[in-house]
PDB file of N, CA and C in Angstrom:
ATOM      1  N   MET A   1       0.841  -1.170   0.000  1.00  0.00           N
ATOM      2  CA  MET A   1       0.000   0.000   0.000  1.00  0.00           C
ATOM      3  C   MET A   1       0.889   1.238   0.000  1.00  0.00           C
ATOM      4  N   ASP A   2       0.681   2.124  -0.958  1.00  0.00           N
ATOM      5  CA  ASP A   2       1.470   3.349  -1.057  1.00  0.00           C
ATOM      6  C   ASP A   2       0.805   4.482  -0.278  1.00  0.00           C
ATOM      7  N   TRP A   3       1.612   5.185   0.506  1.00  0.00           N
ATOM      8  CA  TRP A   3       1.148   6.329   1.280  1.00  0.00           C
ATOM      9  C   TRP A   3       1.705   7.592   0.652  1.00  0.00           C
ATOM     10  N   HIS A   4       0.936   8.670   0.715  1.00  0.00           N
ATOM     11  CA  HIS A   4       1.307   9.938   0.100  1.00  0.00           C
ATOM     12  C   HIS A   4       1.120  11.063   1.109  1.00  0.00           C
ATOM     13  N   ILE A   5       1.857  12.159   0.899  1.00  0.00           N
ATOM     14  CA  ILE A   5       1.675  13.375   1.687  1.00  0.00           C
ATOM     15  C   ILE A   5       1.099  14.418   0.741  1.00  0.00           C
ATOM     16  N   ILE A   6      -0.099  14.908   1.081  1.00  0.00           N
ATOM     17  CA  ILE A   6      -0.768  15.914   0.265  1.00  0.00           C
ATOM     18  C   ILE A   6      -1.336  16.985   1.191  1.00  0.00           C
ATOM     19  N   ASN A   7      -1.910  18.026   0.623  1.00  0.00           N
ATOM     20  CA  ASN A   7      -2.739  18.948   1.385  1.00  0.00           C
ATOM     21  C   ASN A   7      -3.960  19.275   0.548  1.00  0.00           C
ATOM     22  N   HIS A   8      -4.691  20.289   0.895  1.00  0.00           N
ATOM     23  CA  HIS A   8      -5.955  20.541   0.207  1.00  0.00           C
ATOM     24  C   HIS A   8      -5.799  20.910  -1.266  1.00  0.00           C
ATOM     25  N   LYS A   9      -4.589  21.285  -1.701  1.00  0.00           N
ATOM     26  CA  LYS A   9      -4.440  21.662  -3.108  1.00  0.00           C
ATOM     27  C   LYS A   9      -3.183  21.124  -3.794  1.00  0.00           C
ATOM     28  N   ASP A  10      -2.254  20.532  -3.068  1.00  0.00           N
ATOM     29  CA  ASP A  10      -0.987  20.110  -3.665  1.00  0.00           C
ATOM     30  C   ASP A  10      -0.592  18.697  -3.249  1.00  0.00           C
ATOM     31  N   TYR A  11       0.082  18.030  -4.179  1.00  0.00           N
ATOM     32  CA  TYR A  11       0.760  16.774  -3.871  1.00  0.00           C
ATOM     33  C   TYR A  11       2.129  17.168  -3.337  1.00  0.00           C
ATOM     34  N   ILE A  12       2.496  16.705  -2.156  1.00  0.00           N
ATOM     35  CA  ILE A  12       3.741  17.153  -1.536  1.00  0.00           C
ATOM     36  C   ILE A  12       4.859  16.143  -1.703  1.00  0.00           C
ATOM     37  N   ASP A  13       4.621  14.869  -1.365  1.00  0.00           N
ATOM     38  CA  ASP A  13       5.692  13.888  -1.459  1.00  0.00           C
ATOM     39  C   ASP A  13       5.105  12.480  -1.444  1.00  0.00           C
ATOM     40  N   GLY A  14       5.883  11.548  -1.962  1.00  0.00           N
ATOM     41  CA  GLY A  14       5.455  10.156  -1.951  1.00  0.00           C
ATOM     42  C   GLY A  14       5.783   9.492  -3.266  1.00  0.00           C
ATOM     43  N   PRO A  15       5.456   8.278  -3.427  1.00  0.00           N
ATOM     44  CA  PRO A  15       4.814   7.390  -2.468  1.00  0.00           C
ATOM     45  C   PRO A  15       5.814   6.819  -1.458  1.00  0.00           C
ATOM     46  N   PHE A  16       5.282   6.433  -0.309  1.00  0.00           N
ATOM     47  CA  PHE A  16       6.058   5.812   0.758  1.00  0.00           C
ATOM     48  C   PHE A  16       5.517   4.402   0.970  1.00  0.00           C
ATOM     49  N   ASP A  17       6.375   3.510   1.423  1.00  0.00           N
ATOM     50  CA  ASP A  17       5.981   2.114   1.643  1.00  0.00           C
ATOM     51  C   ASP A  17       5.086   1.924   2.863  1.00  0.00           C
ATOM     52  N   SER A  18       5.178   2.846   3.832  1.00  0.00           N
ATOM     53  CA  SER A  18       4.405   2.678   5.064  1.00  0.00           C
ATOM     54  C   SER A  18       3.928   4.028   5.578  1.00  0.00           C
ATOM     55  N   PHE A  19       2.907   3.973   6.435  1.00  0.00           N
ATOM     56  CA  PHE A  19       2.413   5.184   7.086  1.00  0.00           C
ATOM     57  C   PHE A  19       3.521   5.810   7.930  1.00  0.00           C
ATOM     58  N   GLU A  20       4.272   4.984   8.623  1.00  0.00           N
ATOM     59  CA  GLU A  20       5.331   5.482   9.507  1.00  0.00           C
ATOM     60  C   GLU A  20       6.385   6.271   8.729  1.00  0.00           C
ATOM     61  N   ALA A  21       6.758   5.781   7.555  1.00  0.00           N
ATOM     62  CA  ALA A  21       7.745   6.496   6.731  1.00  0.00           C
ATOM     63  C   ALA A  21       7.182   7.826   6.245  1.00  0.00           C
ATOM     64  N   ALA A  22       5.919   7.833   5.847  1.00  0.00           N
ATOM     65  CA  ALA A  22       5.283   9.083   5.398  1.00  0.00           C
ATOM     66  C   ALA A  22       5.163  10.070   6.552  1.00  0.00           C
ATOM     67  N   LEU A  23       4.808   9.592   7.732  1.00  0.00           N
ATOM     68  CA  LEU A  23       4.709  10.474   8.895  1.00  0.00           C
ATOM     69  C   LEU A  23       6.067  11.051   9.268  1.00  0.00           C
ATOM     70  N   ALA A  24       7.107  10.245   9.205  1.00  0.00           N
ATOM     71  CA  ALA A  24       8.454  10.740   9.513  1.00  0.00           C
ATOM     72  C   ALA A  24       8.847  11.862   8.550  1.00  0.00           C
ATOM     73  N   GLU A  25       8.533  11.704   7.275  1.00  0.00           N
ATOM     74  CA  GLU A  25       8.850  12.744   6.289  1.00  0.00           C
ATOM     75  C   GLU A  25       8.008  13.996   6.526  1.00  0.00           C
ATOM     76  N   ALA A  26       6.726  13.826   6.845  1.00  0.00           N
ATOM     77  CA  ALA A  26       5.863  14.970   7.137  1.00  0.00           C
ATOM     78  C   ALA A  26       6.372  15.730   8.361  1.00  0.00           C
ATOM     79  N   CYS A  27       6.827  15.005   9.364  1.00  0.00           N
ATOM     80  CA  CYS A  27       7.388  15.650  10.561  1.00  0.00           C
ATOM     81  C   CYS A  27       8.647  16.439  10.212  1.00  0.00           C
ATOM     82  N   ALA A  28       9.470  15.899   9.327  1.00  0.00           N
ATOM     83  CA  ALA A  28      10.669  16.622   8.897  1.00  0.00           C
ATOM     84  C   ALA A  28      10.280  17.876   8.118  1.00  0.00           C
ATOM     85  N   LEU A  29       9.301  17.755   7.237  1.00  0.00           N
ATOM     86  CA  LEU A  29       8.843  18.913   6.466  1.00  0.00           C
ATOM     87  C   LEU A  29       8.221  19.979   7.368  1.00  0.00           C
ATOM     88  N   GLY A  30       7.538  19.544   8.418  1.00  0.00           N
ATOM     89  CA  GLY A  30       6.864  20.472   9.318  1.00  0.00           C
ATOM     90  C   GLY A  30       7.728  20.954  10.469  1.00  0.00           C
ATOM     91  N   ASN A  31       9.007  20.589  10.475  1.00  0.00           N
ATOM     92  CA  ASN A  31       9.932  20.986  11.547  1.00  0.00           C
ATOM     93  C   ASN A  31       9.366  20.638  12.925  1.00  0.00           C
ATOM     94  N   GLU A  32       8.966  19.396  13.070  1.00  0.00           N
ATOM     95  CA  GLU A  32       8.351  18.918  14.317  1.00  0.00           C
ATOM     96  C   GLU A  32       9.326  19.043  15.478  1.00  0.00           C
ATOM     97  N   THR A  33       8.863  19.650  16.582  1.00  0.00           N
ATOM     98  CA  THR A  33       9.684  19.809  17.781  1.00  0.00           C
ATOM     99  C   THR A  33       9.039  19.177  19.008  1.00  0.00           C
ATOM    100  N   ARG A  34       7.790  18.752  18.892  1.00  0.00           N
ATOM    101  CA  ARG A  34       7.067  18.180  20.036  1.00  0.00           C
ATOM    102  C   ARG A  34       7.461  16.716  20.231  1.00  0.00           C
ATOM    103  N   PRO A  35       7.323  16.201  21.468  1.00  0.00           N
ATOM    104  CA  PRO A  35       7.655  14.790  21.709  1.00  0.00           C
ATOM    105  C   PRO A  35       6.801  13.835  20.882  1.00  0.00           C
ATOM    106  N   GLU A  36       5.514  14.155  20.693  1.00  0.00           N
ATOM    107  CA  GLU A  36       4.605  13.344  19.885  1.00  0.00           C
ATOM    108  C   GLU A  36       3.924  14.246  18.853  1.00  0.00           C
ATOM    109  N   PRO A  37       3.985  13.879  17.577  1.00  0.00           N
ATOM    110  CA  PRO A  37       3.307  14.708  16.570  1.00  0.00           C
ATOM    111  C   PRO A  37       1.792  14.645  16.741  1.00  0.00           C
ATOM    112  N   ARG A  38       1.110  15.724  16.357  1.00  0.00           N
ATOM    113  CA  ARG A  38      -0.356  15.773  16.443  1.00  0.00           C
ATOM    114  C   ARG A  38      -0.964  15.206  15.176  1.00  0.00           C
ATOM    115  N   VAL A  39      -1.520  14.031  15.302  1.00  0.00           N
ATOM    116  CA  VAL A  39      -2.094  13.326  14.156  1.00  0.00           C
ATOM    117  C   VAL A  39      -3.528  12.932  14.498  1.00  0.00           C
ATOM    118  N   LYS A  40      -4.447  13.257  13.585  1.00  0.00           N
ATOM    119  CA  LYS A  40      -5.849  12.857  13.750  1.00  0.00           C
ATOM    120  C   LYS A  40      -6.217  11.898  12.634  1.00  0.00           C
ATOM    121  N   ARG A  41      -6.988  10.905  12.987  1.00  0.00           N
ATOM    122  CA  ARG A  41      -7.415   9.900  12.020  1.00  0.00           C
ATOM    123  C   ARG A  41      -8.793  10.263  11.483  1.00  0.00           C
ATOM    124  N   ARG A  42      -8.900  10.400  10.156  1.00  0.00           N
ATOM    125  CA  ARG A  42     -10.208  10.654   9.533  1.00  0.00           C
ATOM    126  C   ARG A  42     -10.826   9.375   8.992  1.00  0.00           C
ATOM    127  N   SER A  43      -9.991   8.425   8.613  1.00  0.00           N
ATOM    128  CA  SER A  43     -10.467   7.106   8.194  1.00  0.00           C
ATOM    129  C   SER A  43      -9.297   6.144   8.344  1.00  0.00           C
ATOM    130  N   ASP A  44      -9.501   4.881   7.957  1.00  0.00           N
ATOM    131  CA  ASP A  44      -8.440   3.895   8.130  1.00  0.00           C
ATOM    132  C   ASP A  44      -7.229   4.174   7.235  1.00  0.00           C
ATOM    133  N   GLN A  45      -7.399   4.968   6.178  1.00  0.00           N
ATOM    134  CA  GLN A  45      -6.295   5.267   5.275  1.00  0.00           C
ATOM    135  C   GLN A  45      -6.103   6.765   5.054  1.00  0.00           C
ATOM    136  N   PHE A  46      -6.518   7.583   6.020  1.00  0.00           N
ATOM    137  CA  PHE A  46      -6.403   9.035   5.870  1.00  0.00           C
ATOM    138  C   PHE A  46      -6.180   9.668   7.238  1.00  0.00           C
ATOM    139  N   PHE A  47      -5.028  10.331   7.399  1.00  0.00           N
ATOM    140  CA  PHE A  47      -4.655  10.972   8.651  1.00  0.00           C
ATOM    141  C   PHE A  47      -4.271  12.419   8.376  1.00  0.00           C
ATOM    142  N   VAL A  48      -4.498  13.290   9.358  1.00  0.00           N
ATOM    143  CA  VAL A  48      -4.133  14.698   9.239  1.00  0.00           C
ATOM    144  C   VAL A  48      -3.065  14.992  10.290  1.00  0.00           C
ATOM    145  N   TYR A  49      -1.909  15.474   9.825  1.00  0.00           N
ATOM    146  CA  TYR A  49      -0.811  15.864  10.722  1.00  0.00           C
ATOM    147  C   TYR A  49      -0.720  17.385  10.719  1.00  0.00           C
ATOM    148  N   ARG A  50      -0.823  17.977  11.898  1.00  0.00           N
ATOM    149  CA  ARG A  50      -0.683  19.431  12.032  1.00  0.00           C
ATOM    150  C   ARG A  50       0.672  19.732  12.641  1.00  0.00           C
ATOM    151  N   ALA A  51       1.493  20.407  11.864  1.00  0.00           N
ATOM    152  CA  ALA A  51       2.845  20.764  12.306  1.00  0.00           C
ATOM    153  C   ALA A  51       2.772  21.894  13.333  1.00  0.00           C
ATOM    154  N   PRO A  52       3.861  22.103  14.066  1.00  0.00           N
ATOM    155  CA  PRO A  52       3.885  23.221  15.018  1.00  0.00           C
ATOM    156  C   PRO A  52       3.723  24.560  14.294  1.00  0.00           C
ATOM    157  N   TYR A  53       3.205  25.549  14.995  1.00  0.00           N
ATOM    158  CA  TYR A  53       3.045  26.892  14.444  1.00  0.00           C
ATOM    159  C   TYR A  53       4.426  27.460  14.118  1.00  0.00           C
ATOM    160  N   ASP A  54       4.565  27.990  12.930  1.00  0.00           N
ATOM    161  CA  ASP A  54       5.831  28.586  12.491  1.00  0.00           C
ATOM    162  C   ASP A  54       5.753  30.098  12.721  1.00  0.00           C
ATOM    163  N   ARG A  55       6.449  30.583  13.740  1.00  0.00           N
ATOM    164  CA  ARG A  55       6.380  32.001  14.090  1.00  0.00           C
ATOM    165  C   ARG A  55       6.976  32.892  13.006  1.00  0.00           C
ATOM    166  N   ALA A  56       7.997  32.429  12.322  1.00  0.00           N
ATOM    167  CA  ALA A  56       8.608  33.238  11.268  1.00  0.00           C
ATOM    168  C   ALA A  56       7.662  33.385  10.075  1.00  0.00           C
ATOM    169  N   GLU A  57       7.013  32.302   9.691  1.00  0.00           N
ATOM    170  CA  GLU A  57       6.102  32.326   8.541  1.00  0.00           C
ATOM    171  C   GLU A  57       4.677  32.707   8.935  1.00  0.00           C
ATOM    172  N   LYS A  58       4.380  32.672  10.234  1.00  0.00           N
ATOM    173  CA  LYS A  58       3.059  32.995  10.778  1.00  0.00           C
ATOM    174  C   LYS A  58       1.957  32.117  10.201  1.00  0.00           C
ATOM    175  N   TRP A  59       2.185  30.809  10.254  1.00  0.00           N
ATOM    176  CA  TRP A  59       1.156  29.866   9.818  1.00  0.00           C
ATOM    177  C   TRP A  59       1.450  28.487  10.383  1.00  0.00           C
ATOM    178  N   ARG A  60       0.462  27.613  10.333  1.00  0.00           N
ATOM    179  CA  ARG A  60       0.592  26.234  10.801  1.00  0.00           C
ATOM    180  C   ARG A  60       0.292  25.314   9.619  1.00  0.00           C
ATOM    181  N   PRO A  61       1.320  24.665   9.096  1.00  0.00           N
ATOM    182  CA  PRO A  61       1.061  23.756   7.977  1.00  0.00           C
ATOM    183  C   PRO A  61       0.272  22.523   8.409  1.00  0.00           C
ATOM    184  N   GLU A  62      -0.517  22.012   7.466  1.00  0.00           N
ATOM    185  CA  GLU A  62      -1.290  20.799   7.695  1.00  0.00           C
ATOM    186  C   GLU A  62      -0.975  19.841   6.557  1.00  0.00           C
ATOM    187  N   PHE A  63      -0.575  18.641   6.915  1.00  0.00           N
ATOM    188  CA  PHE A  63      -0.249  17.628   5.920  1.00  0.00           C
ATOM    189  C   PHE A  63      -1.229  16.479   6.042  1.00  0.00           C
ATOM    190  N   TRP A  64      -1.737  16.022   4.913  1.00  0.00           N
ATOM    191  CA  TRP A  64      -2.622  14.866   4.889  1.00  0.00           C
ATOM    192  C   TRP A  64      -1.789  13.662   4.484  1.00  0.00           C
ATOM    193  N   ILE A  65      -1.760  12.646   5.308  1.00  0.00           N
ATOM    194  CA  ILE A  65      -1.023  11.418   5.041  1.00  0.00           C
ATOM    195  C   ILE A  65      -2.064  10.353   4.729  1.00  0.00           C
ATOM    196  N   CYS A  66      -2.030   9.852   3.509  1.00  0.00           N
ATOM    197  CA  CYS A  66      -3.124   8.974   3.093  1.00  0.00           C
ATOM    198  C   CYS A  66      -2.699   8.065   1.947  1.00  0.00           C
ATOM    199  N   THR A  67      -3.536   7.079   1.701  1.00  0.00           N
ATOM    200  CA  THR A  67      -3.404   6.300   0.476  1.00  0.00           C
ATOM    201  C   THR A  67      -4.283   6.983  -0.564  1.00  0.00           C
ATOM    202  N   LYS A  68      -4.047   6.696  -1.813  1.00  0.00           N
ATOM    203  CA  LYS A  68      -4.866   7.295  -2.862  1.00  0.00           C
ATOM    204  C   LYS A  68      -6.324   6.878  -2.694  1.00  0.00           C
ATOM    205  N   GLU A  69      -6.546   5.617  -2.390  1.00  0.00           N
ATOM    206  CA  GLU A  69      -7.903   5.111  -2.213  1.00  0.00           C
ATOM    207  C   GLU A  69      -8.604   5.800  -1.043  1.00  0.00           C
ATOM    208  N   GLY A  70      -7.879   5.970   0.061  1.00  0.00           N
ATOM    209  CA  GLY A  70      -8.448   6.636   1.223  1.00  0.00           C
ATOM    210  C   GLY A  70      -8.812   8.085   0.942  1.00  0.00           C
ATOM    211  N   ALA A  71      -7.979   8.757   0.160  1.00  0.00           N
ATOM    212  CA  ALA A  71      -8.252  10.152  -0.190  1.00  0.00           C
ATOM    213  C   ALA A  71      -9.461  10.258  -1.117  1.00  0.00           C
ATOM    214  N   LEU A  72      -9.546   9.359  -2.088  1.00  0.00           N
ATOM    215  CA  LEU A  72     -10.674   9.397  -3.022  1.00  0.00           C
ATOM    216  C   LEU A  72     -11.999   9.154  -2.304  1.00  0.00           C
ATOM    217  N   ARG A  73     -11.984   8.281  -1.297  1.00  0.00           N
ATOM    218  CA  ARG A  73     -13.203   8.025  -0.520  1.00  0.00           C
ATOM    219  C   ARG A  73     -13.668   9.266   0.236  1.00  0.00           C
ATOM    220  N   LEU A  74     -12.721  10.181   0.542  1.00  0.00           N
ATOM    221  CA  LEU A  74     -13.066  11.419   1.249  1.00  0.00           C
ATOM    222  C   LEU A  74     -13.179  12.604   0.292  1.00  0.00           C
ATOM    223  N   SER A  75     -13.378  12.313  -0.982  1.00  0.00           N
ATOM    224  CA  SER A  75     -13.655  13.321  -2.022  1.00  0.00           C
ATOM    225  C   SER A  75     -12.478  14.226  -2.365  1.00  0.00           C
ATOM    226  N   VAL A  76     -11.254  13.754  -2.171  1.00  0.00           N
ATOM    227  CA  VAL A  76     -10.090  14.492  -2.663  1.00  0.00           C
ATOM    228  C   VAL A  76     -10.031  14.267  -4.181  1.00  0.00           C
ATOM    229  N   PRO A  77      -9.844  15.336  -4.971  1.00  0.00           N
ATOM    230  CA  PRO A  77      -9.817  15.164  -6.430  1.00  0.00           C
ATOM    231  C   PRO A  77      -8.688  14.230  -6.873  1.00  0.00           C
ATOM    232  N   GLU A  78      -9.010  13.309  -7.762  1.00  0.00           N
ATOM    233  CA  GLU A  78      -8.020  12.335  -8.224  1.00  0.00           C
ATOM    234  C   GLU A  78      -6.861  12.996  -8.973  1.00  0.00           C
ATOM    235  N   ASP A  79      -7.118  14.101  -9.655  1.00  0.00           N
ATOM    236  CA  ASP A  79      -6.048  14.753 -10.423  1.00  0.00           C
ATOM    237  C   ASP A  79      -4.945  15.323  -9.535  1.00  0.00           C
ATOM    238  N   LEU A  80      -5.196  15.461  -8.229  1.00  0.00           N
ATOM    239  CA  LEU A  80      -4.153  15.913  -7.309  1.00  0.00           C
ATOM    240  C   LEU A  80      -2.989  14.915  -7.311  1.00  0.00           C
ATOM    241  N   PHE A  81      -3.285  13.640  -7.504  1.00  0.00           N
ATOM    242  CA  PHE A  81      -2.242  12.615  -7.501  1.00  0.00           C
ATOM    243  C   PHE A  81      -1.469  12.584  -8.821  1.00  0.00           C
ATOM    244  N   ASP A  82      -1.920  13.330  -9.826  1.00  0.00           N
ATOM    245  CA  ASP A  82      -1.207  13.427 -11.101  1.00  0.00           C
ATOM    246  C   ASP A  82      -0.162  14.532 -11.098  1.00  0.00           C
ATOM    247  N   GLN A  83      -0.131  15.387 -10.082  1.00  0.00           N
ATOM    248  CA  GLN A  83       0.799  16.517 -10.051  1.00  0.00           C
ATOM    249  C   GLN A  83       2.259  16.122 -10.224  1.00  0.00           C
ATOM    250  N   PRO A  84       2.774  15.079  -9.548  1.00  0.00           N
ATOM    251  CA  PRO A  84       4.195  14.748  -9.745  1.00  0.00           C
ATOM    252  C   PRO A  84       4.492  14.380 -11.193  1.00  0.00           C
ATOM    253  N   LEU A  85       3.589  13.685 -11.855  1.00  0.00           N
ATOM    254  CA  LEU A  85       3.797  13.311 -13.248  1.00  0.00           C
ATOM    255  C   LEU A  85       3.782  14.535 -14.146  1.00  0.00           C
ATOM    256  N   LEU A  86       2.876  15.469 -13.876  1.00  0.00           N
ATOM    257  CA  LEU A  86       2.808  16.690 -14.670  1.00  0.00           C
ATOM    258  C   LEU A  86       4.054  17.547 -14.476  1.00  0.00           C
ATOM    259  N   GLU A  87       4.538  17.641 -13.235  1.00  0.00           N
ATOM    260  CA  GLU A  87       5.736  18.434 -12.957  1.00  0.00           C
ATOM    261  C   GLU A  87       6.958  17.844 -13.655  1.00  0.00           C
ATOM    262  N   MET A  88       7.060  16.513 -13.660  1.00  0.00           N
ATOM    263  CA  MET A  88       8.194  15.883 -14.347  1.00  0.00           C
ATOM    264  C   MET A  88       8.107  16.139 -15.841  1.00  0.00           C
ATOM    265  N   ALA A  89       6.919  16.044 -16.410  1.00  0.00           N
ATOM    266  CA  ALA A  89       6.752  16.276 -17.843  1.00  0.00           C
ATOM    267  C   ALA A  89       7.052  17.729 -18.187  1.00  0.00           C
ATOM    268  N   MET A  90       6.581  18.667 -17.384  1.00  0.00           N
ATOM    269  CA  MET A  90       6.846  20.079 -17.649  1.00  0.00           C
ATOM    270  C   MET A  90       8.313  20.406 -17.408  1.00  0.00           C
ATOM    271  N   GLY A  91       8.898  19.803 -16.398  1.00  0.00           N
ATOM    272  CA  GLY A  91      10.300  20.062 -16.093  1.00  0.00           C
ATOM    273  C   GLY A  91      11.215  19.599 -17.204  1.00  0.00           C
ATOM    274  N   ALA A  92      10.944  18.443 -17.773  1.00  0.00           N
ATOM    275  CA  ALA A  92      11.763  17.931 -18.872  1.00  0.00           C
ATOM    276  C   ALA A  92      11.613  18.813 -20.095  1.00  0.00           C
ATOM    277  N   GLY A  93      10.396  19.269 -20.361  1.00  0.00           N
ATOM    278  CA  GLY A  93      10.164  20.116 -21.522  1.00  0.00           C
ATOM    279  C   GLY A  93      10.759  21.501 -21.358  1.00  0.00           C
ATOM    280  N   SER A  94      10.796  22.011 -20.152  1.00  0.00           N
ATOM    281  CA  SER A  94      11.274  23.370 -19.944  1.00  0.00           C
ATOM    282  C   SER A  94      12.796  23.468 -20.024  1.00  0.00           C
ATOM    283  N   MET A  95      13.511  22.365 -19.943  1.00  0.00           N
ATOM    284  CA  MET A  95      14.975  22.396 -20.030  1.00  0.00           C
ATOM    285  C   MET A  95      15.463  22.492 -21.473  1.00  0.00           C
ATOM    286  N   GLU A  96      14.667  22.099 -22.432  1.00  0.00           N
ATOM    287  CA  GLU A  96      15.089  22.079 -23.826  1.00  0.00           C
ATOM    288  C   GLU A  96      15.508  23.453 -24.349  1.00  0.00           C
ATOM    289  N   PRO A  97      14.745  24.538 -24.098  1.00  0.00           N
ATOM    290  CA  PRO A  97      15.202  25.843 -24.578  1.00  0.00           C
ATOM    291  C   PRO A  97      16.552  26.241 -23.992  1.00  0.00           C
ATOM    292  N   LEU A  98      16.827  25.869 -22.754  1.00  0.00           N
ATOM    293  CA  LEU A  98      18.117  26.181 -22.148  1.00  0.00           C
ATOM    294  C   LEU A  98      19.242  25.418 -22.841  1.00  0.00           C
ATOM    295  N   ARG A  99      18.973  24.169 -23.206  1.00  0.00           N
ATOM    296  CA  ARG A  99      19.988  23.376 -23.897  1.00  0.00           C
ATOM    297  C   ARG A  99      20.298  23.997 -25.259  1.00  0.00           C
ATOM    298  N   ARG A 100      19.247  24.443 -25.966  1.00  0.00           N
ATOM    299  CA  ARG A 100      19.459  25.065 -27.279  1.00  0.00           C
ATOM    300  C   ARG A 100      20.277  26.339 -27.152  1.00  0.00           C
ATOM    301  N   LEU A 101      19.982  27.136 -26.128  1.00  0.00           N
ATOM    302  CA  LEU A 101      20.720  28.386 -25.932  1.00  0.00           C
ATOM    303  C   LEU A 101      22.187  28.105 -25.639  1.00  0.00           C
ATOM    304  N   SER A 102      22.471  27.097 -24.847  1.00  0.00           N
ATOM    305  CA  SER A 102      23.870  26.811 -24.521  1.00  0.00           C
ATOM    306  C   SER A 102      24.633  26.324 -25.756  1.00  0.00           C
ATOM    307  N   ARG A 103      23.963  25.610 -26.664  1.00  0.00           N
ATOM    308  CA  ARG A 103      24.622  25.164 -27.891  1.00  0.00           C
ATOM    309  C   ARG A 103      24.873  26.336 -28.848  1.00  0.00           C
ATOM    310  N   VAL A 104      23.923  27.272 -28.888  1.00  0.00           N
ATOM    311  CA  VAL A 104      24.078  28.430 -29.779  1.00  0.00           C
ATOM    312  C   VAL A 104      25.206  29.323 -29.302  1.00  0.00           C
ATOM    313  N   GLY A 105      25.343  29.479 -28.007  1.00  0.00           N
ATOM    314  CA  GLY A 105      26.361  30.359 -27.439  1.00  0.00           C
ATOM    315  C   GLY A 105      27.769  29.803 -27.556  1.00  0.00           C
ATOM    316  N   SER A 106      27.953  28.482 -27.784  1.00  0.00           N
ATOM    317  CA  SER A 106      29.305  27.921 -27.810  1.00  0.00           C
ATOM    318  C   SER A 106      29.929  27.945 -29.173  1.00  0.00           C
TER     319      SER A 106
END
């Protein structure tokens, strides 16, 4: 079962082999400083991790740790899970003009 880290609008990281691995990464992303992270269970495959309040940024990030199936059952749009594929496709395409420029300049 693949676990992912998402939020209400973005795919953040994944897939991970286990919930524990995904939670560890979410804690690292959220700069966790508490002895126990704050995690709430919304379903058997969907958890919400609230990171500590960031005084410098003045906000509290929220990460959803879930399986794709668990997220879809809670009405998360399926296209959110396509973001990493789209970013890779756009990233590969956006490098081509730079390659052409470097060849022209040499």
